[in-house]
Amino acid sequence: MIKCIATDMDGTLLTATQKIPLENRKAIISAKEQGVEVVVATGRSYHEAKFVVEEAGLKLPMICVNGAEVRSEAGEVIASSPLDKAIASQAALRLVENGVYFEVYTNEGTFTEDIDKAVSTIVDIFSSANPEVPIEQIAASAEERLHKGLITKVDHYDELFEDDQYEIYKLLAFSLDDAKLDAARIGLKEIAGLAVSSSGRENIEISSLEAQKGIALGKFVQSRGITLEETMAIGDHFNDVSMLERVGKSVAMGNAVEEIKALCDEVTMTNEECGVAKAIRKVLID
């Protein structure tokens, strides 16, 4: 019997417009009513994830920044697994050397050195991945991220690396240039102590080896008296692998990359077709 459901956000729980559709919301509420734990497991920061979840009228515990931080339903930090700052600085240098834009995720929020680049990058990537969505709608969503304070401008990332108040959770790099991303990945392989994955073809996610969704999910379910065998995980991309490999039931989205579909026990519908809701309802008691 499934006692916990972990769901990725982007490409999974959310549609291309960055919303949780009503069908997914209803399925989550039904699961909670039956006593099933539902936890979000995302590469997003807590504040970005919380904004979307609360907008849908939900309150859920969250595994954030690919497992670098675990938050209770009330928003309290349960655990964190930051990157060593010297290692983070080395990783940042590899990205700069290869001309790849990146943002830094910390315990105090997400930071960029270039606000214009932050907006234009998100627009380029989401419009490339979702050509059916009007560019104006995508641009509005990117601007909203800025105006709601979900990303903050910093003059130089060294300010974060050198200040003890900041824990570095993740570097998130973006580029539509495959050659630049491939070169950056090669450089990153030379640095020990990194977990390097992706949540989309156009990005690289860099975190601590301990900051993986599967490791964080294991700790979360254990704290609830649940086993991973009693857990279902739903995802669509490579940063979901660590949890999909560990759980008793793994579900790939219909829009997942083929490698993820091959890894999972079953494939549900796409994120635009509320595949999360369909996967949840299959394991609930009628």
Protein backbone atom coordinates (compact mmCIF):
# COMPACT_ATOMS: atom_id res chain seq x y z
CA MET A 1 0.00 0.00 0.00
CA ILE A 2 1.29 3.44 -0.92
CA LYS A 3 1.63 5.68 2.15
CA CYS A 4 3.65 8.54 0.62
CA ILE A 5 3.63 10.20 -2.81
CA ALA A 6 6.53 12.39 -3.94
CA THR A 7 6.03 14.53 -7.03
CA ASP A 8 8.41 16.63 -9.05
CA MET A 9 7.11 20.08 -10.08
CA ASP A 10 8.27 21.37 -13.47
CA GLY A 11 7.16 19.11 -16.31
CA THR A 12 5.29 16.96 -13.79
CA LEU A 13 2.92 18.59 -11.29
CA LEU A 14 2.85 21.87 -13.23
CA THR A 15 1.62 22.73 -16.70
CA ALA A 16 3.71 24.80 -19.10
CA THR A 17 2.13 27.95 -17.62
CA GLN A 18 3.67 27.11 -14.21
CA LYS A 19 0.33 26.31 -12.58
CA ILE A 20 -1.00 23.30 -10.67
CA PRO A 21 -4.14 22.28 -12.59
CA LEU A 22 -7.38 21.70 -10.69
CA GLU A 23 -7.38 17.94 -11.36
CA ASN A 24 -3.94 17.55 -9.78
CA ARG A 25 -5.02 19.67 -6.82
CA LYS A 26 -8.12 17.55 -6.22
CA ALA A 27 -6.13 14.31 -6.42
CA ILE A 28 -3.61 15.58 -3.87
CA ILE A 29 -6.40 16.58 -1.49
CA SER A 30 -8.00 13.14 -1.92
CA ALA A 31 -4.70 11.46 -1.10
CA LYS A 32 -4.24 13.56 2.03
CA GLU A 33 -7.81 12.80 3.12
CA GLN A 34 -6.93 9.10 2.96
CA GLY A 35 -3.91 9.68 5.18
CA VAL A 36 -1.33 9.50 2.38
CA GLU A 37 1.64 11.85 2.78
CA VAL A 38 2.18 14.04 -0.30
CA VAL A 39 5.53 15.79 -0.64
CA VAL A 40 6.83 18.02 -3.42
CA ALA A 41 10.36 17.15 -4.57
CA THR A 42 11.69 19.93 -6.75
CA GLY A 43 14.79 21.63 -8.04
CA ARG A 44 13.18 24.96 -7.19
CA SER A 45 13.99 27.01 -4.12
CA TYR A 46 11.50 26.86 -1.26
CA HIS A 47 10.16 30.33 -2.01
CA GLU A 48 9.57 29.59 -5.69
CA ALA A 49 7.94 26.26 -4.92
CA LYS A 50 5.85 27.64 -2.06
CA PHE A 51 4.51 30.45 -4.25
CA VAL A 52 3.08 28.01 -6.80
CA VAL A 53 1.79 25.49 -4.24
CA GLU A 54 0.04 28.12 -2.13
CA GLU A 55 -1.41 29.74 -5.24
CA ALA A 56 -3.25 26.43 -5.78
CA GLY A 57 -4.56 26.49 -2.21
CA LEU A 58 -2.31 23.65 -1.03
CA LYS A 59 0.04 23.28 1.91
CA LEU A 60 2.66 20.55 1.51
CA PRO A 61 6.04 19.54 2.90
CA MET A 62 8.79 20.14 0.34
CA ILE A 63 12.09 18.69 -0.71
CA CYS A 64 13.67 21.73 -2.34
CA VAL A 65 16.70 22.50 -4.48
CA ASN A 66 17.04 18.83 -5.48
CA GLY A 67 17.26 17.71 -1.86
CA ALA A 68 19.57 20.43 -0.53
CA GLU A 69 16.78 21.54 1.79
CA VAL A 70 13.80 19.77 3.36
CA ARG A 71 10.91 21.85 4.72
CA SER A 72 7.93 20.86 6.82
CA GLU A 73 4.36 21.69 5.82
CA ALA A 74 4.69 24.77 8.05
CA GLY A 75 7.83 25.86 6.20
CA GLU A 76 10.35 24.97 8.89
CA VAL A 77 13.78 23.77 7.72
CA ILE A 78 14.07 20.10 8.74
CA ALA A 79 17.43 19.42 7.10
CA SER A 80 19.92 20.96 4.68
CA SER A 81 22.88 19.69 2.65
CA PRO A 82 24.81 22.70 1.31
CA LEU A 83 27.72 22.67 -1.09
CA ASP A 84 31.21 23.25 0.25
CA LYS A 85 31.91 26.86 -0.70
CA ALA A 86 35.36 26.19 -2.13
CA ILE A 87 33.84 23.50 -4.35
CA ALA A 88 30.96 25.80 -5.32
CA SER A 89 33.45 28.50 -6.31
CA GLN A 90 35.36 26.03 -8.50
CA ALA A 91 32.12 24.96 -10.19
CA ALA A 92 31.15 28.59 -10.81
CA LEU A 93 34.53 29.20 -12.45
CA ARG A 94 33.96 26.27 -14.85
CA LEU A 95 30.62 27.74 -15.91
CA VAL A 96 32.12 31.22 -16.43
CA GLU A 97 35.01 29.77 -18.45
CA ASN A 98 32.51 28.13 -20.80
CA GLY A 99 30.25 31.17 -21.15
CA VAL A 100 27.27 29.57 -19.41
CA TYR A 101 24.84 31.76 -17.47
CA PHE A 102 23.94 30.50 -13.99
CA GLU A 103 22.07 31.41 -10.82
CA VAL A 104 23.01 30.60 -7.23
CA TYR A 105 20.48 29.04 -4.85
CA THR A 106 21.09 29.65 -1.13
CA ASN A 107 19.39 29.42 2.26
CA GLU A 108 18.55 33.11 1.80
CA GLY A 109 17.00 32.81 -1.66
CA THR A 110 18.10 32.73 -5.30
CA PHE A 111 20.58 35.20 -6.76
CA THR A 112 21.70 36.42 -10.19
CA GLU A 113 24.41 38.81 -11.35
CA ASP A 114 22.27 39.87 -14.33
CA ILE A 115 18.52 40.49 -13.96
CA ASP A 116 17.94 41.02 -17.68
CA LYS A 117 19.71 37.76 -18.44
CA ALA A 118 17.64 36.00 -15.76
CA VAL A 119 14.41 37.05 -17.48
CA SER A 120 15.52 36.53 -21.08
CA THR A 121 16.99 33.10 -20.34
CA ILE A 122 13.78 31.83 -18.77
CA VAL A 123 11.75 33.19 -21.68
CA ASP A 124 14.05 31.60 -24.28
CA ILE A 125 14.04 28.20 -22.59
CA PHE A 126 10.32 28.00 -21.81
CA SER A 127 9.32 29.24 -25.26
CA SER A 128 11.64 26.66 -26.85
CA ALA A 129 10.20 23.84 -24.70
CA ASN A 130 6.57 25.04 -24.99
CA PRO A 131 6.11 26.58 -28.46
CA GLU A 132 2.31 26.32 -28.11
CA VAL A 133 2.28 28.80 -25.21
CA PRO A 134 2.13 32.50 -26.23
CA ILE A 135 5.48 34.24 -25.71
CA GLU A 136 3.71 37.06 -23.85
CA GLN A 137 2.42 34.59 -21.27
CA ILE A 138 5.87 33.12 -20.71
CA ALA A 139 7.42 36.59 -20.44
CA ALA A 140 4.81 37.61 -17.87
CA SER A 141 5.63 34.54 -15.77
CA ALA A 142 9.36 35.33 -15.93
CA GLU A 143 8.74 38.95 -14.91
CA GLU A 144 6.52 37.79 -12.05
CA ARG A 145 9.44 35.76 -10.68
CA LEU A 146 11.44 38.99 -10.45
CA HIS A 147 8.74 41.27 -9.07
CA LYS A 148 7.70 38.83 -6.36
CA GLY A 149 11.27 38.75 -5.10
CA LEU A 150 11.90 35.14 -6.07
CA ILE A 151 15.29 36.13 -7.49
CA THR A 152 17.62 38.86 -6.22
CA LYS A 153 20.39 40.82 -7.92
CA VAL A 154 23.89 40.59 -6.46
CA ASP A 155 26.90 42.45 -7.86
CA HIS A 156 29.14 39.39 -7.75
CA TYR A 157 28.60 35.81 -6.63
CA ASP A 158 31.77 36.02 -4.53
CA GLU A 159 29.66 37.98 -2.03
CA LEU A 160 27.67 34.79 -1.43
CA PHE A 161 30.67 32.47 -1.40
CA GLU A 162 32.56 34.63 1.13
CA ASP A 163 29.73 35.54 3.54
CA ASP A 164 29.04 33.01 6.32
CA GLN A 165 25.33 33.86 6.42
CA TYR A 166 24.82 32.13 3.08
CA GLU A 167 24.72 28.38 2.56
CA ILE A 168 25.15 27.48 -1.12
CA TYR A 169 22.50 24.93 -2.10
CA LYS A 170 22.82 24.77 -5.87
CA LEU A 171 24.19 26.37 -9.02
CA LEU A 172 21.63 26.26 -11.83
CA ALA A 173 23.14 26.85 -15.27
CA PHE A 174 21.21 27.57 -18.47
CA SER A 175 22.11 27.62 -22.16
CA LEU A 176 20.47 26.82 -25.46
CA ASP A 177 23.98 26.09 -26.80
CA ASP A 178 24.54 22.34 -26.37
CA ALA A 179 28.27 22.67 -27.04
CA LYS A 180 28.69 25.12 -24.14
CA LEU A 181 26.74 22.89 -21.77
CA ASP A 182 28.72 19.81 -22.82
CA ALA A 183 32.02 21.64 -22.30
CA ALA A 184 30.86 22.82 -18.87
CA ARG A 185 29.86 19.27 -17.89
CA ILE A 186 33.31 17.98 -18.84
CA GLY A 187 34.92 20.67 -16.68
CA LEU A 188 32.63 19.92 -13.75
CA LYS A 189 33.59 16.22 -13.83
CA GLU A 190 37.08 17.27 -12.75
CA ILE A 191 35.72 18.59 -9.42
CA ALA A 192 35.17 16.08 -6.62
CA GLY A 193 32.17 16.32 -4.34
CA LEU A 194 29.56 17.43 -6.88
CA ALA A 195 26.24 15.94 -7.92
CA VAL A 196 25.60 17.07 -11.50
CA SER A 197 22.20 16.48 -13.07
CA SER A 198 19.56 18.31 -15.11
CA SER A 199 15.85 19.04 -15.07
CA GLY A 200 15.73 19.92 -18.77
CA ARG A 201 17.80 19.67 -21.93
CA GLU A 202 18.89 23.29 -21.53
CA ASN A 203 20.25 23.22 -17.98
CA ILE A 204 22.80 21.81 -15.56
CA GLU A 205 22.05 21.46 -11.85
CA ILE A 206 25.05 21.38 -9.52
CA SER A 207 24.71 20.46 -5.85
CA SER A 208 26.33 18.50 -3.03
CA LEU A 209 26.53 14.72 -3.39
CA GLU A 210 24.16 14.52 -0.40
CA ALA A 211 21.71 16.97 -1.99
CA GLN A 212 19.74 14.54 -4.14
CA LYS A 213 16.00 14.02 -4.18
CA GLY A 214 16.24 10.32 -3.41
CA ILE A 215 18.46 10.78 -0.36
CA ALA A 216 16.24 13.57 1.01
CA LEU A 217 13.09 11.55 0.33
CA GLY A 218 14.53 8.61 2.24
CA LYS A 219 15.12 10.81 5.28
CA PHE A 220 11.67 12.38 4.94
CA VAL A 221 9.71 9.13 4.85
CA GLN A 222 11.78 7.67 7.68
CA SER A 223 10.80 10.65 9.85
CA ARG A 224 7.16 9.80 9.09
CA GLY A 225 7.51 6.12 9.94
CA ILE A 226 7.14 5.15 6.27
CA THR A 227 9.47 3.07 4.10
CA LEU A 228 10.61 3.87 0.58
CA GLU A 229 8.93 0.63 -0.48
CA GLU A 230 5.63 2.23 0.57
CA THR A 231 6.40 5.35 -1.45
CA MET A 232 5.48 6.36 -5.02
CA ALA A 233 7.56 8.94 -6.89
CA ILE A 234 6.56 10.78 -10.06
CA GLY A 235 9.01 12.61 -12.31
CA ASP A 236 10.09 13.49 -15.81
CA HIS A 237 13.83 14.19 -15.93
CA PHE A 238 17.30 13.20 -14.78
CA ASN A 239 17.23 15.06 -11.46
CA ASP A 240 14.37 12.70 -10.49
CA VAL A 241 16.41 9.52 -11.02
CA SER A 242 17.70 9.25 -7.45
CA MET A 243 14.17 9.04 -6.05
CA LEU A 244 12.66 7.02 -8.91
CA GLU A 245 15.32 4.33 -8.37
CA ARG A 246 14.69 4.08 -4.62
CA VAL A 247 10.91 3.91 -4.25
CA GLY A 248 8.51 0.99 -4.33
CA LYS A 249 6.56 2.48 -7.24
CA SER A 250 8.08 4.78 -9.85
CA VAL A 251 5.99 6.69 -12.39
CA ALA A 252 7.27 8.60 -15.42
CA MET A 253 5.30 11.39 -17.00
CA GLY A 254 4.10 10.96 -20.56
CA ASN A 255 6.33 13.90 -21.48
CA ALA A 256 9.37 12.41 -19.69
CA VAL A 257 12.60 11.74 -21.57
CA GLU A 258 12.83 8.17 -22.84
CA GLU A 259 15.53 7.14 -20.37
CA ILE A 260 13.20 8.04 -17.48
CA LYS A 261 10.30 6.12 -19.00
CA ALA A 262 12.51 3.05 -19.35
CA LEU A 263 13.59 3.33 -15.72
CA CYS A 264 10.08 3.52 -14.24
CA ASP A 265 7.46 0.93 -13.38
CA GLU A 266 4.82 2.74 -15.42
CA VAL A 267 4.15 5.81 -17.55
CA THR A 268 1.24 8.14 -16.90
CA MET A 269 -0.19 10.93 -19.07
CA THR A 270 1.68 14.20 -19.75
CA ASN A 271 1.82 17.17 -17.41
CA GLU A 272 -0.66 19.00 -19.67
CA GLU A 273 -3.04 16.03 -19.31
CA CYS A 274 -2.81 15.99 -15.48
CA GLY A 275 -0.73 12.82 -15.41
CA VAL A 276 0.03 13.33 -11.72
CA ALA A 277 -3.68 13.19 -10.83
CA LYS A 278 -4.12 10.00 -12.86
CA ALA A 279 -1.12 8.35 -11.17
CA ILE A 280 -2.36 9.33 -7.70
CA ARG A 281 -5.90 8.10 -8.26
CA LYS A 282 -4.60 4.70 -9.42
CA VAL A 283 -3.10 4.03 -5.98
CA LEU A 284 -5.88 5.48 -3.82
CA ILE A 285 -8.50 3.30 -2.18
CA ASP A 286 -11.85 3.52 -4.01
